[in-house]
Amino acid sequence: MIQHISAVTFAVRAMPEALTFYTTVGFTLILGGPQSSFSTLQAGEAFVNLTVAPTYTPTWWGRTIFRVEDVDALYQWVCAQGLLPAAPPQNARWGERYFHLTDPNGHELSFAQRLPAHGGDLPGSSSPSLLTDPDAGGRRAIGVKSSGFDTQ
C-alpha cells in the first residue's frame, strides 16, 4: 500500500539558481551541488530532486503541495527573502490554509497548513476562519508532507 510521496523530481535549466531558490524556501542540500547535474534537497520528510535539463521549457503540469506547520510564518519569510508568492495565504474549503509560489523554472509549489477544524492549528487563532475556494472546480493536487519550517 502506498503511504506517501517520498520525493518529487524537477527539471531545471541551471542548478545554481534552482538550489538558491529551494534553500531560500527552507530545504537543505543533502546531495549534489551547484556544479552537479543532479541534486537532492530535504525539508522534514519531503525530498526534492533537481536534474539539469538546459533546454527545459516550463509548461504547467500541476503543482506540488508541501505541508507546513505555520504557513503564515513561511509566507512572511519567503517575502522577506525577496520571493514573490502569487497571493497571500488564504483558507480553502477543503481545510487548508495555503499560498502558491513558482520556482525559477516554472514549477508551481503550494505550501499548506491544515486548518483547526480539520485537525490542524493556526498560530494565534482560536477558531477556524471563513473557508473559501479560490480554485475553480475545487481541484486539488496530491501533496507531500514536510515537518515544517524553521526561520532560525
Protein backbone atom coordinates (compact mmCIF):
# COMPACT_ATOMS: atom_id res chain seq x y z
CA MET A 1 0.00 0.00 0.00
CA ILE A 2 1.30 3.47 -0.87
CA GLN A 3 1.84 5.60 2.25
CA HIS A 4 3.05 8.95 0.87
CA ILE A 5 5.14 10.56 -1.83
CA SER A 6 8.78 10.37 -0.82
CA ALA A 7 10.28 12.71 -3.41
CA VAL A 8 9.48 14.75 -6.47
CA THR A 9 12.00 15.44 -9.26
CA PHE A 10 12.00 18.75 -11.13
CA ALA A 11 13.84 19.54 -14.36
CA VAL A 12 15.86 22.76 -14.04
CA ARG A 13 17.73 24.82 -16.61
CA ALA A 14 20.52 25.84 -14.21
CA MET A 15 21.40 24.11 -10.94
CA PRO A 16 22.86 27.14 -9.05
CA GLU A 17 19.68 29.23 -9.50
CA ALA A 18 17.43 26.32 -8.52
CA LEU A 19 19.48 25.49 -5.41
CA THR A 20 19.36 29.12 -4.28
CA PHE A 21 15.58 29.13 -4.59
CA TYR A 22 14.97 25.84 -2.76
CA THR A 23 17.40 26.56 0.08
CA THR A 24 15.80 30.01 0.50
CA VAL A 25 12.39 28.35 0.85
CA GLY A 26 13.72 26.09 3.62
CA PHE A 27 15.18 22.96 2.03
CA THR A 28 18.65 21.65 2.94
CA LEU A 29 21.01 20.38 0.26
CA ILE A 30 21.96 16.76 1.05
CA LEU A 31 23.42 15.54 -2.28
CA GLY A 32 24.98 17.28 -5.25
CA GLY A 33 25.63 20.99 -5.52
CA PRO A 34 25.79 23.96 -7.89
CA GLN A 35 28.02 22.17 -10.42
CA SER A 36 26.15 18.84 -10.27
CA SER A 37 23.69 17.64 -12.87
CA PHE A 38 21.55 16.09 -10.11
CA SER A 39 20.93 17.32 -6.56
CA THR A 40 18.69 16.29 -3.67
CA LEU A 41 17.26 18.61 -1.02
CA GLN A 42 15.28 17.76 2.11
CA ALA A 43 12.79 19.50 4.40
CA GLY A 44 11.36 17.30 7.13
CA GLU A 45 10.33 14.06 5.43
CA ALA A 46 9.98 15.69 1.98
CA PHE A 47 12.66 15.35 -0.67
CA VAL A 48 13.08 17.41 -3.84
CA ASN A 49 15.38 16.19 -6.58
CA LEU A 50 16.65 18.59 -9.21
CA THR A 51 18.00 17.39 -12.55
CA VAL A 52 19.62 19.69 -15.09
CA ALA A 53 17.88 19.90 -18.47
CA PRO A 54 19.31 23.03 -20.15
CA THR A 55 16.60 23.14 -22.82
CA TYR A 56 13.71 22.62 -20.39
CA THR A 57 10.72 24.78 -21.31
CA PRO A 58 8.26 25.45 -18.49
CA THR A 59 4.73 24.22 -19.06
CA TRP A 60 2.04 23.97 -16.42
CA TRP A 61 1.59 20.34 -15.37
CA GLY A 62 0.08 20.77 -11.91
CA ARG A 63 1.62 21.65 -8.56
CA THR A 64 3.41 20.04 -5.66
CA ILE A 65 2.00 20.72 -2.20
CA PHE A 66 4.15 20.77 0.91
CA ARG A 67 2.53 20.53 4.35
CA VAL A 68 4.00 23.09 6.76
CA GLU A 69 3.43 23.89 10.43
CA ASP A 70 2.98 27.66 10.05
CA VAL A 71 2.04 28.83 6.57
CA ASP A 72 1.85 32.50 7.60
CA ALA A 73 5.39 32.48 9.03
CA LEU A 74 6.71 30.79 5.89
CA TYR A 75 4.91 33.33 3.70
CA GLN A 76 6.47 36.21 5.68
CA TRP A 77 9.89 34.54 5.45
CA VAL A 78 9.84 33.99 1.67
CA CYS A 79 8.60 37.55 1.10
CA ALA A 80 11.41 38.91 3.30
CA GLN A 81 13.86 36.92 1.16
CA GLY A 82 12.60 38.68 -1.98
CA LEU A 83 10.48 35.82 -3.34
CA LEU A 84 7.07 36.74 -4.75
CA PRO A 85 4.19 34.35 -3.94
CA ALA A 86 1.13 34.53 -6.21
CA ALA A 87 -1.05 35.83 -3.34
CA PRO A 88 -1.06 35.96 0.48
CA PRO A 89 -2.11 32.82 2.38
CA GLN A 90 -5.79 32.01 2.10
CA ASN A 91 -8.15 29.44 3.54
CA ALA A 92 -9.61 26.75 1.32
CA ARG A 93 -12.89 24.88 1.74
CA TRP A 94 -11.05 21.56 1.91
CA GLY A 95 -9.47 22.55 5.24
CA GLU A 96 -6.09 24.04 4.42
CA ARG A 97 -4.54 27.49 4.59
CA TYR A 98 -2.06 27.85 1.73
CA PHE A 99 -0.15 30.01 -0.72
CA HIS A 100 1.43 29.30 -4.11
CA LEU A 101 4.96 30.09 -5.20
CA THR A 102 6.53 29.40 -8.60
CA ASP A 103 10.19 28.41 -8.77
CA PRO A 104 12.61 29.93 -11.32
CA ASN A 105 11.88 27.03 -13.70
CA GLY A 106 8.12 27.47 -13.67
CA HIS A 107 7.25 24.66 -11.23
CA GLU A 108 4.25 25.65 -9.12
CA LEU A 109 4.60 24.89 -5.43
CA SER A 110 1.97 25.21 -2.76
CA PHE A 111 2.68 25.42 0.96
CA ALA A 112 -0.27 24.36 3.09
CA GLN A 113 -1.26 24.08 6.73
CA ARG A 114 -4.30 22.16 7.98
CA LEU A 115 -6.98 24.38 9.47
CA PRO A 116 -8.07 23.74 13.09
CA ALA A 117 -11.50 22.38 12.14
CA HIS A 118 -9.66 19.77 10.06
CA GLY A 119 -7.11 18.65 12.63
CA GLY A 120 -4.57 21.48 12.33
CA ASP A 121 -3.58 24.52 14.32
CA LEU A 122 -3.27 28.13 13.24
CA PRO A 123 -0.88 30.14 15.41
CA GLY A 124 -2.74 32.85 17.31
CA SER A 125 -6.14 31.59 16.17
CA SER A 126 -8.78 30.17 18.47
CA SER A 127 -11.33 29.35 15.78
CA PRO A 128 -11.32 28.48 12.10
CA SER A 129 -11.56 31.34 9.61
CA LEU A 130 -14.10 31.55 6.83
CA LEU A 131 -13.21 28.96 4.20
CA THR A 132 -13.08 29.91 0.53
CA ASP A 133 -12.28 28.06 -2.68
CA PRO A 134 -10.06 30.12 -4.99
CA ASP A 135 -9.51 27.18 -7.40
CA ALA A 136 -12.30 26.84 -9.95
CA GLY A 137 -13.88 23.44 -9.77
CA GLY A 138 -12.29 22.64 -6.41
CA ARG A 139 -9.47 20.58 -7.99
CA ARG A 140 -6.57 19.65 -5.71
CA ALA A 141 -3.14 18.15 -6.30
CA ILE A 142 -1.65 15.31 -4.27
CA GLY A 143 0.87 16.69 -1.79
CA VAL A 144 3.92 15.61 0.14
CA LYS A 145 4.36 16.30 3.82
CA SER A 146 7.12 18.40 5.33
CA SER A 147 7.59 18.59 9.07
CA GLY A 148 7.65 22.35 8.99
CA PHE A 149 9.87 25.34 8.50
CA ASP A 150 12.45 26.86 10.80
CA THR A 151 13.25 30.56 10.33
CA GLN A 152 16.04 30.49 12.95
